[in-house]
């Protein structure tokens, strides 16, 4: 049964409707006395498998991939050897196309429950161009996507999160296909194995269920606001402002947002609102601190401050000694007057 499910997933993986890419490669066929180079030109989606080409050579001893277009092909190999050479005449040529440079960095949690679950997928744009209108879907035996959040844009070399609300009826372990879309175009897909807990989550009692779409939208806005203030903090630091305490506040708020993003499907609406209010309060504090941030003091400023402190202290000491001297003089004058009165 397990093999049937895996086969079904692989078939789905390969027949997904994506605009095909032309791939060019050559297969070198050899025997003990001669060789033949056979050019191939195929159309491939994200991932493809092709049979070996027919050859005029008899008693073939080996096949090898001698040349291919590196601009469109990310990986090419023979399935049985996992290499670019084989001796098996029934072998298949495996080709992986990288249409974009989006990567799936992680998925969380790695264990789901029967019922509704929120899956958070961390992706990274490893290419040179901005990716727009991103969302993800997840499917598999006993796994169904109910809702998903969208990401408006993902700049080059940046990472972000996509949320998918799943309905889970599978048990034990299940292989799922994770698909990443830019608008309606499929740009990435991977097969992952996820564990399923046998016991269902305890339902929330007497609490309003969370609005998943609204929660995802609010989290996305909070993350965007925080990113804007983080960029402002970087600019102020580059201009010589003292922003050390603000850096710590930003990191703490990032951690809180990530925690809520990973767990909010389990919250009631009341629980989410409490956490979201804390996030927005932290972001507002960061904004206010940035507005009143002051330039960091230079070495010259610190020396000047120390000189002022020392000068003030010296002044106080001089004043104290002057006062003490005047008081002593006054005492001595009075003593002399009393002695003169006694002599008279």
C-alpha atoms as a PDB file:
ATOM      1  CA  UNK A   1       0.000   0.000   0.000  1.00  0.00           C
ATOM      2  CA  UNK A   2       2.820   2.366   0.907  1.00  0.00           C
ATOM      3  CA  UNK A   3       4.500   1.796  -2.480  1.00  0.00           C
ATOM      4  CA  UNK A   4       1.230   2.516  -4.282  1.00  0.00           C
ATOM      5  CA  UNK A   5       0.828   5.820  -2.452  1.00  0.00           C
ATOM      6  CA  UNK A   6       4.412   6.843  -3.203  1.00  0.00           C
ATOM      7  CA  UNK A   7       3.945   5.897  -6.878  1.00  0.00           C
ATOM      8  CA  UNK A   8       0.732   7.928  -6.994  1.00  0.00           C
ATOM      9  CA  UNK A   9       2.527  10.962  -5.533  1.00  0.00           C
ATOM     10  CA  UNK A  10       5.429  10.677  -7.969  1.00  0.00           C
ATOM     11  CA  UNK A  11       3.004  10.501 -10.902  1.00  0.00           C
ATOM     12  CA  UNK A  12       1.209  13.594  -9.654  1.00  0.00           C
ATOM     13  CA  UNK A  13       4.579  15.266  -9.187  1.00  0.00           C
ATOM     14  CA  UNK A  14       5.567  14.602 -12.795  1.00  0.00           C
ATOM     15  CA  UNK A  15       2.303  15.448 -14.549  1.00  0.00           C
ATOM     16  CA  UNK A  16       1.696  18.795 -12.834  1.00  0.00           C
ATOM     17  CA  UNK A  17       0.744  21.389 -15.421  1.00  0.00           C
ATOM     18  CA  UNK A  18       3.672  23.748 -15.832  1.00  0.00           C
ATOM     19  CA  UNK A  19       4.958  25.553 -18.877  1.00  0.00           C
ATOM     20  CA  UNK A  20       7.519  23.177 -20.353  1.00  0.00           C
ATOM     21  CA  UNK A  21      11.179  24.069 -20.846  1.00  0.00           C
ATOM     22  CA  UNK A  22      13.301  22.771 -23.705  1.00  0.00           C
ATOM     23  CA  UNK A  23      16.321  20.826 -22.479  1.00  0.00           C
ATOM     24  CA  UNK A  24      19.250  19.777 -24.648  1.00  0.00           C
ATOM     25  CA  UNK A  25      21.720  17.047 -23.758  1.00  0.00           C
ATOM     26  CA  UNK A  26      23.786  14.330 -25.454  1.00  0.00           C
ATOM     27  CA  UNK A  27      24.169  10.644 -24.669  1.00  0.00           C
ATOM     28  CA  UNK A  28      27.423   8.909 -25.526  1.00  0.00           C
ATOM     29  CA  UNK A  29      26.995   5.220 -26.376  1.00  0.00           C
ATOM     30  CA  UNK A  30      30.077   2.978 -26.378  1.00  0.00           C
ATOM     31  CA  UNK A  31      31.229  -0.571 -26.920  1.00  0.00           C
ATOM     32  CA  UNK A  32      34.719  -2.020 -26.885  1.00  0.00           C
ATOM     33  CA  UNK A  33      35.612  -0.698 -30.333  1.00  0.00           C
ATOM     34  CA  UNK A  34      33.474   2.339 -31.148  1.00  0.00           C
ATOM     35  CA  UNK A  35      31.234   5.081 -29.785  1.00  0.00           C
ATOM     36  CA  UNK A  36      28.317   7.252 -30.895  1.00  0.00           C
ATOM     37  CA  UNK A  37      27.189  10.665 -29.618  1.00  0.00           C
ATOM     38  CA  UNK A  38      23.401  11.072 -29.778  1.00  0.00           C
ATOM     39  CA  UNK A  39      22.037  14.624 -29.291  1.00  0.00           C
ATOM     40  CA  UNK A  40      18.676  14.875 -27.525  1.00  0.00           C
ATOM     41  CA  UNK A  41      16.192  17.752 -27.327  1.00  0.00           C
ATOM     42  CA  UNK A  42      13.185  17.290 -25.031  1.00  0.00           C
ATOM     43  CA  UNK A  43      10.516  19.313 -23.327  1.00  0.00           C
ATOM     44  CA  UNK A  44      10.475  19.079 -19.550  1.00  0.00           C
ATOM     45  CA  UNK A  45       8.468  20.543 -16.697  1.00  0.00           C
ATOM     46  CA  UNK A  46      10.050  20.832 -13.273  1.00  0.00           C
ATOM     47  CA  UNK A  47      11.174  17.218 -13.185  1.00  0.00           C
ATOM     48  CA  UNK A  48      11.302  14.583 -15.943  1.00  0.00           C
ATOM     49  CA  UNK A  49      12.455  11.077 -16.802  1.00  0.00           C
ATOM     50  CA  UNK A  50      13.400   9.906 -20.295  1.00  0.00           C
ATOM     51  CA  UNK A  51      14.395   6.565 -21.797  1.00  0.00           C
ATOM     52  CA  UNK A  52      17.751   5.951 -23.417  1.00  0.00           C
ATOM     53  CA  UNK A  53      17.914   6.764 -27.151  1.00  0.00           C
ATOM     54  CA  UNK A  54      18.206   4.116 -29.830  1.00  0.00           C
ATOM     55  CA  UNK A  55      21.716   3.510 -31.170  1.00  0.00           C
ATOM     56  CA  UNK A  56      23.232   1.829 -34.196  1.00  0.00           C
ATOM     57  CA  UNK A  57      26.045   0.433 -32.080  1.00  0.00           C
ATOM     58  CA  UNK A  58      25.851  -3.226 -31.095  1.00  0.00           C
ATOM     59  CA  UNK A  59      27.052  -4.879 -27.892  1.00  0.00           C
ATOM     60  CA  UNK A  60      26.853  -1.631 -25.975  1.00  0.00           C
ATOM     61  CA  UNK A  61      28.997  -1.574 -22.839  1.00  0.00           C
ATOM     62  CA  UNK A  62      28.192   1.865 -21.411  1.00  0.00           C
ATOM     63  CA  UNK A  63      26.086   4.999 -21.633  1.00  0.00           C
ATOM     64  CA  UNK A  64      27.147   8.423 -20.415  1.00  0.00           C
ATOM     65  CA  UNK A  65      25.825  11.989 -20.365  1.00  0.00           C
ATOM     66  CA  UNK A  66      28.506  13.910 -22.192  1.00  0.00           C
ATOM     67  CA  UNK A  67      26.966  17.358 -22.560  1.00  0.00           C
ATOM     68  CA  UNK A  68      23.889  19.309 -21.429  1.00  0.00           C
ATOM     69  CA  UNK A  69      22.522  22.836 -21.197  1.00  0.00           C
ATOM     70  CA  UNK A  70      23.472  24.123 -17.752  1.00  0.00           C
ATOM     71  CA  UNK A  71      21.264  27.209 -18.137  1.00  0.00           C
ATOM     72  CA  UNK A  72      18.045  25.200 -17.889  1.00  0.00           C
ATOM     73  CA  UNK A  73      19.100  21.901 -16.280  1.00  0.00           C
ATOM     74  CA  UNK A  74      19.852  21.931 -12.568  1.00  0.00           C
ATOM     75  CA  UNK A  75      20.541  18.191 -12.298  1.00  0.00           C
ATOM     76  CA  UNK A  76      20.830  15.317 -14.781  1.00  0.00           C
ATOM     77  CA  UNK A  77      21.742  11.701 -14.001  1.00  0.00           C
ATOM     78  CA  UNK A  78      20.854   8.053 -14.507  1.00  0.00           C
ATOM     79  CA  UNK A  79      18.329   6.774 -12.000  1.00  0.00           C
ATOM     80  CA  UNK A  80      19.915   3.412 -11.225  1.00  0.00           C
ATOM     81  CA  UNK A  81      23.428   4.740 -10.575  1.00  0.00           C
ATOM     82  CA  UNK A  82      22.704   8.300  -9.400  1.00  0.00           C
ATOM     83  CA  UNK A  83      25.630   9.223 -11.688  1.00  0.00           C
ATOM     84  CA  UNK A  84      26.117  10.453 -15.252  1.00  0.00           C
ATOM     85  CA  UNK A  85      27.093   7.012 -16.503  1.00  0.00           C
ATOM     86  CA  UNK A  86      25.459   3.579 -16.565  1.00  0.00           C
ATOM     87  CA  UNK A  87      25.754   0.139 -18.116  1.00  0.00           C
ATOM     88  CA  UNK A  88      22.040  -0.629 -17.802  1.00  0.00           C
ATOM     89  CA  UNK A  89      20.249  -0.421 -21.157  1.00  0.00           C
ATOM     90  CA  UNK A  90      16.887  -0.115 -19.351  1.00  0.00           C
ATOM     91  CA  UNK A  91      18.023   2.821 -17.240  1.00  0.00           C
ATOM     92  CA  UNK A  92      16.184   6.166 -17.169  1.00  0.00           C
ATOM     93  CA  UNK A  93      17.608   9.665 -17.521  1.00  0.00           C
ATOM     94  CA  UNK A  94      16.443  11.899 -14.665  1.00  0.00           C
ATOM     95  CA  UNK A  95      16.355  15.687 -15.248  1.00  0.00           C
ATOM     96  CA  UNK A  96      15.532  18.416 -12.738  1.00  0.00           C
ATOM     97  CA  UNK A  97      14.659  21.873 -14.045  1.00  0.00           C
ATOM     98  CA  UNK A  98      15.163  24.935 -11.849  1.00  0.00           C
ATOM     99  CA  UNK A  99      12.766  27.543 -13.228  1.00  0.00           C
ATOM    100  CA  UNK A 100      13.404  29.883 -10.345  1.00  0.00           C
ATOM    101  CA  UNK A 101      15.752  29.919  -7.406  1.00  0.00           C
ATOM    102  CA  UNK A 102      13.163  29.643  -4.643  1.00  0.00           C
ATOM    103  CA  UNK A 103      14.149  27.186  -1.907  1.00  0.00           C
ATOM    104  CA  UNK A 104      12.042  25.455   0.726  1.00  0.00           C
ATOM    105  CA  UNK A 105      14.147  25.949   3.858  1.00  0.00           C
ATOM    106  CA  UNK A 106      11.891  24.304   6.437  1.00  0.00           C
ATOM    107  CA  UNK A 107       8.375  23.239   7.329  1.00  0.00           C
ATOM    108  CA  UNK A 108       6.864  23.360  10.804  1.00  0.00           C
ATOM    109  CA  UNK A 109       5.554  21.631  12.733  1.00  0.00           C
ATOM    110  CA  UNK A 110       6.992  18.291  11.609  1.00  0.00           C
ATOM    111  CA  UNK A 111       4.133  16.423  13.302  1.00  0.00           C
ATOM    112  CA  UNK A 112       0.440  17.001  12.603  1.00  0.00           C
ATOM    113  CA  UNK A 113      -2.829  15.950  14.249  1.00  0.00           C
ATOM    114  CA  UNK A 114      -6.045  14.604  12.752  1.00  0.00           C
ATOM    115  CA  UNK A 115      -8.262  17.586  11.960  1.00  0.00           C
ATOM    116  CA  UNK A 116      -7.217  21.127  11.114  1.00  0.00           C
ATOM    117  CA  UNK A 117      -3.515  22.028  11.217  1.00  0.00           C
ATOM    118  CA  UNK A 118      -1.500  25.092  10.266  1.00  0.00           C
ATOM    119  CA  UNK A 119       1.670  24.292   8.328  1.00  0.00           C
ATOM    120  CA  UNK A 120       4.297  27.045   8.105  1.00  0.00           C
ATOM    121  CA  UNK A 121       6.667  26.812   5.139  1.00  0.00           C
ATOM    122  CA  UNK A 122       9.822  28.922   5.173  1.00  0.00           C
ATOM    123  CA  UNK A 123      11.057  29.805   1.692  1.00  0.00           C
ATOM    124  CA  UNK A 124      14.012  31.780   0.366  1.00  0.00           C
ATOM    125  CA  UNK A 125      14.425  33.643  -2.901  1.00  0.00           C
ATOM    126  CA  UNK A 126      17.928  32.607  -3.918  1.00  0.00           C
ATOM    127  CA  UNK A 127      17.682  34.267  -7.324  1.00  0.00           C
ATOM    128  CA  UNK A 128      18.425  37.770  -8.530  1.00  0.00           C
ATOM    129  CA  UNK A 129      14.834  38.852  -9.264  1.00  0.00           C
ATOM    130  CA  UNK A 130      11.927  39.631  -6.960  1.00  0.00           C
ATOM    131  CA  UNK A 131       9.206  36.966  -6.742  1.00  0.00           C
ATOM    132  CA  UNK A 132       5.576  38.147  -6.671  1.00  0.00           C
ATOM    133  CA  UNK A 133       2.238  36.861  -5.370  1.00  0.00           C
ATOM    134  CA  UNK A 134       3.495  33.693  -3.695  1.00  0.00           C
ATOM    135  CA  UNK A 135       1.433  30.974  -2.039  1.00  0.00           C
ATOM    136  CA  UNK A 136       1.754  27.272  -1.254  1.00  0.00           C
ATOM    137  CA  UNK A 137      -0.448  24.207  -1.351  1.00  0.00           C
ATOM    138  CA  UNK A 138       0.086  20.810   0.265  1.00  0.00           C
ATOM    139  CA  UNK A 139      -1.495  17.543  -0.871  1.00  0.00           C
ATOM    140  CA  UNK A 140      -1.190  13.852  -0.206  1.00  0.00           C
ATOM    141  CA  UNK A 141      -3.095  10.774   0.910  1.00  0.00           C
ATOM    142  CA  UNK A 142      -5.373  12.057   3.681  1.00  0.00           C
ATOM    143  CA  UNK A 143      -3.985  15.628   3.411  1.00  0.00           C
ATOM    144  CA  UNK A 144      -6.046  18.455   1.932  1.00  0.00           C
ATOM    145  CA  UNK A 145      -5.359  22.205   1.644  1.00  0.00           C
ATOM    146  CA  UNK A 146      -8.295  24.230   2.986  1.00  0.00           C
ATOM    147  CA  UNK A 147      -6.837  27.751   3.000  1.00  0.00           C
ATOM    148  CA  UNK A 148      -3.514  29.456   2.380  1.00  0.00           C
ATOM    149  CA  UNK A 149      -1.960  32.851   2.957  1.00  0.00           C
ATOM    150  CA  UNK A 150      -0.337  34.862   0.159  1.00  0.00           C
ATOM    151  CA  UNK A 151       2.943  36.749   0.148  1.00  0.00           C
ATOM    152  CA  UNK A 152       2.857  39.855  -2.049  1.00  0.00           C
ATOM    153  CA  UNK A 153       6.570  39.964  -2.846  1.00  0.00           C
ATOM    154  CA  UNK A 154       9.833  38.326  -1.845  1.00  0.00           C
ATOM    155  CA  UNK A 155      13.006  40.238  -2.645  1.00  0.00           C
ATOM    156  CA  UNK A 156      16.198  38.575  -3.816  1.00  0.00           C
ATOM    157  CA  UNK A 157      18.183  36.829  -1.053  1.00  0.00           C
ATOM    158  CA  UNK A 158      15.336  37.253   1.458  1.00  0.00           C
ATOM    159  CA  UNK A 159      13.341  34.567   3.242  1.00  0.00           C
ATOM    160  CA  UNK A 160       9.748  34.576   4.454  1.00  0.00           C
ATOM    161  CA  UNK A 161       6.912  32.298   5.536  1.00  0.00           C
ATOM    162  CA  UNK A 162       3.846  30.859   3.818  1.00  0.00           C
ATOM    163  CA  UNK A 163       0.934  29.493   5.857  1.00  0.00           C
ATOM    164  CA  UNK A 164      -1.272  26.620   4.745  1.00  0.00           C
ATOM    165  CA  UNK A 165      -4.346  25.389   6.638  1.00  0.00           C
ATOM    166  CA  UNK A 166      -4.591  21.618   6.227  1.00  0.00           C
ATOM    167  CA  UNK A 167      -7.361  19.128   6.856  1.00  0.00           C
ATOM    168  CA  UNK A 168      -5.676  15.912   8.010  1.00  0.00           C
ATOM    169  CA  UNK A 169      -7.266  12.462   8.033  1.00  0.00           C
ATOM    170  CA  UNK A 170      -4.070  10.447   7.456  1.00  0.00           C
ATOM    171  CA  UNK A 171      -2.368   8.365  10.151  1.00  0.00           C
ATOM    172  CA  UNK A 172       1.213   7.548  11.145  1.00  0.00           C
ATOM    173  CA  UNK A 173       3.391   8.943   8.314  1.00  0.00           C
ATOM    174  CA  UNK A 174       2.410  10.409   4.975  1.00  0.00           C
ATOM    175  CA  UNK A 175       4.302  11.677   1.923  1.00  0.00           C
ATOM    176  CA  UNK A 176       3.040  15.072   0.783  1.00  0.00           C
ATOM    177  CA  UNK A 177       3.714  17.257  -2.234  1.00  0.00           C
ATOM    178  CA  UNK A 178       4.497  20.868  -1.347  1.00  0.00           C
ATOM    179  CA  UNK A 179       3.947  23.243  -4.267  1.00  0.00           C
ATOM    180  CA  UNK A 180       5.013  26.889  -4.379  1.00  0.00           C
ATOM    181  CA  UNK A 181       3.184  29.170  -6.816  1.00  0.00           C
ATOM    182  CA  UNK A 182       3.897  32.639  -8.159  1.00  0.00           C
ATOM    183  CA  UNK A 183       0.406  33.813  -9.120  1.00  0.00           C
ATOM    184  CA  UNK A 184      -0.879  30.762 -11.055  1.00  0.00           C
ATOM    185  CA  UNK A 185       2.561  29.499 -12.127  1.00  0.00           C
ATOM    186  CA  UNK A 186       4.038  26.538 -10.283  1.00  0.00           C
ATOM    187  CA  UNK A 187       7.683  27.414  -9.562  1.00  0.00           C
ATOM    188  CA  UNK A 188       8.749  24.810  -6.994  1.00  0.00           C
ATOM    189  CA  UNK A 189       7.605  21.470  -5.650  1.00  0.00           C
ATOM    190  CA  UNK A 190       9.069  18.921  -3.276  1.00  0.00           C
ATOM    191  CA  UNK A 191       7.984  15.690  -1.645  1.00  0.00           C
ATOM    192  CA  UNK A 192       8.271  15.631   2.152  1.00  0.00           C
ATOM    193  CA  UNK A 193       7.409  13.035   4.782  1.00  0.00           C
ATOM    194  CA  UNK A 194       5.286  14.227   7.712  1.00  0.00           C
ATOM    195  CA  UNK A 195       4.354  12.343  10.882  1.00  0.00           C
ATOM    196  CA  UNK A 196       0.745  12.255  12.081  1.00  0.00           C
ATOM    197  CA  UNK A 197      -0.187  11.850  15.750  1.00  0.00           C
ATOM    198  CA  UNK A 198      -2.950   9.315  16.259  1.00  0.00           C
ATOM    199  CA  UNK A 199      -4.845  11.295  18.903  1.00  0.00           C
ATOM    200  CA  UNK A 200      -6.812  14.348  17.870  1.00  0.00           C
ATOM    201  CA  UNK A 201      -6.222  17.744  19.435  1.00  0.00           C
ATOM    202  CA  UNK A 202      -8.571  18.635  22.262  1.00  0.00           C
ATOM    203  CA  UNK A 203     -11.154  21.095  20.972  1.00  0.00           C
ATOM    204  CA  UNK A 204     -11.219  24.577  22.425  1.00  0.00           C
ATOM    205  CA  UNK A 205     -14.109  24.864  24.844  1.00  0.00           C
ATOM    206  CA  UNK A 206     -16.344  27.912  25.100  1.00  0.00           C
ATOM    207  CA  UNK A 207     -13.946  30.038  23.082  1.00  0.00           C
ATOM    208  CA  UNK A 208     -14.460  31.616  19.706  1.00  0.00           C
ATOM    209  CA  UNK A 209     -12.607  29.843  16.888  1.00  0.00           C
ATOM    210  CA  UNK A 210      -9.854  31.801  15.233  1.00  0.00           C
ATOM    211  CA  UNK A 211     -10.369  33.446  11.844  1.00  0.00           C
ATOM    212  CA  UNK A 212      -7.423  31.921   9.955  1.00  0.00           C
ATOM    213  CA  UNK A 213      -7.485  34.303   6.990  1.00  0.00           C
ATOM    214  CA  UNK A 214      -7.680  37.393   9.190  1.00  0.00           C
ATOM    215  CA  UNK A 215      -4.942  36.082  11.519  1.00  0.00           C
ATOM    216  CA  UNK A 216      -2.593  35.356   8.613  1.00  0.00           C
ATOM    217  CA  UNK A 217      -3.202  38.840   7.187  1.00  0.00           C
ATOM    218  CA  UNK A 218      -2.476  40.518  10.532  1.00  0.00           C
ATOM    219  CA  UNK A 219       0.724  38.526  11.046  1.00  0.00           C
ATOM    220  CA  UNK A 220       1.895  39.429   7.532  1.00  0.00           C
ATOM    221  CA  UNK A 221       1.271  43.123   8.239  1.00  0.00           C
ATOM    222  CA  UNK A 222       3.109  42.948  11.575  1.00  0.00           C
ATOM    223  CA  UNK A 223       6.104  41.298   9.919  1.00  0.00           C
ATOM    224  CA  UNK A 224       6.120  43.945   7.172  1.00  0.00           C
ATOM    225  CA  UNK A 225       5.925  46.789   9.719  1.00  0.00           C
ATOM    226  CA  UNK A 226       8.747  45.269  11.739  1.00  0.00           C
ATOM    227  CA  UNK A 227      10.858  44.821   8.605  1.00  0.00           C
ATOM    228  CA  UNK A 228      10.342  48.512   7.751  1.00  0.00           C
ATOM    229  CA  UNK A 229      11.492  49.637  11.210  1.00  0.00           C
ATOM    230  CA  UNK A 230      14.406  47.204  11.122  1.00  0.00           C
ATOM    231  CA  UNK A 231      15.569  48.815   7.877  1.00  0.00           C
ATOM    232  CA  UNK A 232      15.216  52.257   9.487  1.00  0.00           C
ATOM    233  CA  UNK A 233      17.256  51.013  12.447  1.00  0.00           C
ATOM    234  CA  UNK A 234      20.009  49.795  10.104  1.00  0.00           C
ATOM    235  CA  UNK A 235      20.078  53.200   8.402  1.00  0.00           C
ATOM    236  CA  UNK A 236      20.302  55.044  11.725  1.00  0.00           C
ATOM    237  CA  UNK A 237      23.079  52.747  12.916  1.00  0.00           C
ATOM    238  CA  UNK A 238      24.985  53.463   9.695  1.00  0.00           C
ATOM    239  CA  UNK A 239      24.543  57.191  10.390  1.00  0.00           C
ATOM    240  CA  UNK A 240      26.100  56.790  13.828  1.00  0.00           C
ATOM    241  CA  UNK A 241      22.994  56.581  16.013  1.00  0.00           C
ATOM    242  CA  UNK A 242      22.900  54.539  19.222  1.00  0.00           C
ATOM    243  CA  UNK A 243      20.325  51.812  18.465  1.00  0.00           C
ATOM    244  CA  UNK A 244      21.628  48.874  20.527  1.00  0.00           C
ATOM    245  CA  UNK A 245      18.532  48.618  22.712  1.00  0.00           C
ATOM    246  CA  UNK A 246      16.284  48.842  19.640  1.00  0.00           C
ATOM    247  CA  UNK A 247      18.144  45.925  18.017  1.00  0.00           C
ATOM    248  CA  UNK A 248      17.283  43.753  21.009  1.00  0.00           C
ATOM    249  CA  UNK A 249      13.619  44.827  20.887  1.00  0.00           C
ATOM    250  CA  UNK A 250      13.417  43.940  17.192  1.00  0.00           C
ATOM    251  CA  UNK A 251      14.914  40.474  17.704  1.00  0.00           C
ATOM    252  CA  UNK A 252      12.524  39.774  20.606  1.00  0.00           C
ATOM    253  CA  UNK A 253       9.543  40.846  18.505  1.00  0.00           C
ATOM    254  CA  UNK A 254      10.721  38.699  15.577  1.00  0.00           C
ATOM    255  CA  UNK A 255      10.812  35.671  17.881  1.00  0.00           C
ATOM    256  CA  UNK A 256       7.324  36.433  19.186  1.00  0.00           C
ATOM    257  CA  UNK A 257       5.923  36.783  15.654  1.00  0.00           C
ATOM    258  CA  UNK A 258       7.516  33.495  14.611  1.00  0.00           C
ATOM    259  CA  UNK A 259       6.112  31.721  17.680  1.00  0.00           C
ATOM    260  CA  UNK A 260       2.606  33.023  16.992  1.00  0.00           C
ATOM    261  CA  UNK A 261       2.927  32.187  13.302  1.00  0.00           C
ATOM    262  CA  UNK A 262       3.852  28.596  14.113  1.00  0.00           C
ATOM    263  CA  UNK A 263       1.128  28.059  16.691  1.00  0.00           C
ATOM    264  CA  UNK A 264      -1.824  30.355  15.991  1.00  0.00           C
ATOM    265  CA  UNK A 265      -3.956  27.609  14.418  1.00  0.00           C
ATOM    266  CA  UNK A 266      -4.188  26.152  17.931  1.00  0.00           C
ATOM    267  CA  UNK A 267      -5.282  29.460  19.476  1.00  0.00           C
ATOM    268  CA  UNK A 268      -8.760  30.676  20.155  1.00  0.00           C
ATOM    269  CA  UNK A 269      -9.561  34.111  18.762  1.00  0.00           C
ATOM    270  CA  UNK A 270      -9.056  35.530  22.252  1.00  0.00           C
ATOM    271  CA  UNK A 271      -5.604  33.940  22.575  1.00  0.00           C
ATOM    272  CA  UNK A 272      -4.560  35.252  19.173  1.00  0.00           C
ATOM    273  CA  UNK A 273      -5.803  38.763  19.927  1.00  0.00           C
ATOM    274  CA  UNK A 274      -3.768  38.863  23.163  1.00  0.00           C
ATOM    275  CA  UNK A 275      -0.587  37.800  21.371  1.00  0.00           C
ATOM    276  CA  UNK A 276      -1.214  40.093  18.415  1.00  0.00           C
ATOM    277  CA  UNK A 277      -1.805  43.087  20.686  1.00  0.00           C
ATOM    278  CA  UNK A 278       1.522  42.360  22.386  1.00  0.00           C
ATOM    279  CA  UNK A 279       3.250  42.248  18.980  1.00  0.00           C
ATOM    280  CA  UNK A 280       1.725  45.544  17.829  1.00  0.00           C
ATOM    281  CA  UNK A 281       2.574  47.163  21.176  1.00  0.00           C
ATOM    282  CA  UNK A 282       6.217  46.098  20.790  1.00  0.00           C
ATOM    283  CA  UNK A 283       6.319  47.444  17.232  1.00  0.00           C
ATOM    284  CA  UNK A 284       4.884  50.791  18.379  1.00  0.00           C
ATOM    285  CA  UNK A 285       7.558  51.009  21.125  1.00  0.00           C
ATOM    286  CA  UNK A 286      10.235  50.370  18.483  1.00  0.00           C
ATOM    287  CA  UNK A 287       8.808  53.147  16.297  1.00  0.00           C
ATOM    288  CA  UNK A 288       8.852  55.626  19.179  1.00  0.00           C
ATOM    289  CA  UNK A 289      12.403  54.697  20.184  1.00  0.00           C
ATOM    290  CA  UNK A 290      13.587  55.199  16.600  1.00  0.00           C
ATOM    291  CA  UNK A 291      11.993  58.651  16.564  1.00  0.00           C
ATOM    292  CA  UNK A 292      13.943  59.781  19.642  1.00  0.00           C
ATOM    293  CA  UNK A 293      17.211  57.938  18.931  1.00  0.00           C
ATOM    294  CA  UNK A 294      20.304  60.097  19.437  1.00  0.00           C
ATOM    295  CA  UNK A 295      23.681  59.972  17.683  1.00  0.00           C
ATOM    296  CA  UNK A 296      26.126  57.710  19.519  1.00  0.00           C
ATOM    297  CA  UNK A 297      28.771  59.624  21.466  1.00  0.00           C
ATOM    298  CA  UNK A 298      32.220  59.706  19.927  1.00  0.00           C
ATOM    299  CA  UNK A 299      35.480  59.381  21.853  1.00  0.00           C
ATOM    300  CA  UNK A 300      35.806  63.164  21.739  1.00  0.00           C
ATOM    301  CA  UNK A 301      32.302  63.549  23.183  1.00  0.00           C
ATOM    302  CA  UNK A 302      33.131  61.169  26.033  1.00  0.00           C
ATOM    303  CA  UNK A 303      36.406  63.021  26.761  1.00  0.00           C
ATOM    304  CA  UNK A 304      34.535  66.337  26.732  1.00  0.00           C
ATOM    305  CA  UNK A 305      31.916  64.915  29.121  1.00  0.00           C
ATOM    306  CA  UNK A 306      34.690  63.637  31.419  1.00  0.00           C
ATOM    307  CA  UNK A 307      36.415  67.037  31.351  1.00  0.00           C
ATOM    308  CA  UNK A 308      33.159  68.715  32.349  1.00  0.00           C
ATOM    309  CA  UNK A 309      32.642  66.222  35.180  1.00  0.00           C
ATOM    310  CA  UNK A 310      36.228  66.633  36.380  1.00  0.00           C
ATOM    311  CA  UNK A 311      36.017  70.436  36.113  1.00  0.00           C
ATOM    312  CA  UNK A 312      32.817  70.434  38.120  1.00  0.00           C
ATOM    313  CA  UNK A 313      34.360  68.207  40.766  1.00  0.00           C
ATOM    314  CA  UNK A 314      37.492  70.370  40.979  1.00  0.00           C
ATOM    315  CA  UNK A 315      35.318  73.466  41.299  1.00  0.00           C
ATOM    316  CA  UNK A 316      33.406  71.906  44.156  1.00  0.00           C
ATOM    317  CA  UNK A 317      36.636  70.936  45.917  1.00  0.00           C
ATOM    318  CA  UNK A 318      38.075  74.452  45.504  1.00  0.00           C
ATOM    319  CA  UNK A 319      34.847  75.946  46.799  1.00  0.00           C
ATOM    320  CA  UNK A 320      34.913  73.611  49.785  1.00  0.00           C
ATOM    321  CA  UNK A 321      38.526  74.494  50.609  1.00  0.00           C
ATOM    322  CA  UNK A 322      37.768  78.221  50.205  1.00  0.00           C
ATOM    323  CA  UNK A 323      34.804  77.984  52.527  1.00  0.00           C
ATOM    324  CA  UNK A 324      36.859  75.978  55.033  1.00  0.00           C
ATOM    325  CA  UNK A 325      39.658  78.608  54.860  1.00  0.00           C
ATOM    326  CA  UNK A 326      37.259  81.479  55.425  1.00  0.00           C
ATOM    327  CA  UNK A 327      35.678  79.689  58.342  1.00  0.00           C
ATOM    328  CA  UNK A 328      39.090  78.987  59.877  1.00  0.00           C
ATOM    329  CA  UNK A 329      40.140  82.635  59.441  1.00  0.00           C
ATOM    330  CA  UNK A 330      36.958  83.811  61.135  1.00  0.00           C
ATOM    331  CA  UNK A 331      37.588  81.482  64.090  1.00  0.00           C
ATOM    332  CA  UNK A 332      41.184  82.744  64.478  1.00  0.00           C
ATOM    333  CA  UNK A 333      40.074  86.432  64.462  1.00  0.00           C
ATOM    334  CA  UNK A 334      37.528  85.793  67.175  1.00  0.00           C
ATOM    335  CA  UNK A 335      40.122  83.970  69.281  1.00  0.00           C
ATOM    336  CA  UNK A 336      42.541  86.940  69.031  1.00  0.00           C
ATOM    337  CA  UNK A 337      39.824  89.378  70.090  1.00  0.00           C
ATOM    338  CA  UNK A 338      39.039  87.331  73.176  1.00  0.00           C
ATOM    339  CA  UNK A 339      42.718  87.172  74.173  1.00  0.00           C
ATOM    340  CA  UNK A 340      43.099  90.988  73.880  1.00  0.00           C
ATOM    341  CA  UNK A 341      40.078  91.517  76.132  1.00  0.00           C
ATOM    342  CA  UNK A 342      41.581  89.250  78.831  1.00  0.00           C
ATOM    343  CA  UNK A 343      44.946  91.168  78.817  1.00  0.00           C
ATOM    344  CA  UNK A 344      43.155  94.465  79.392  1.00  0.00           C
END
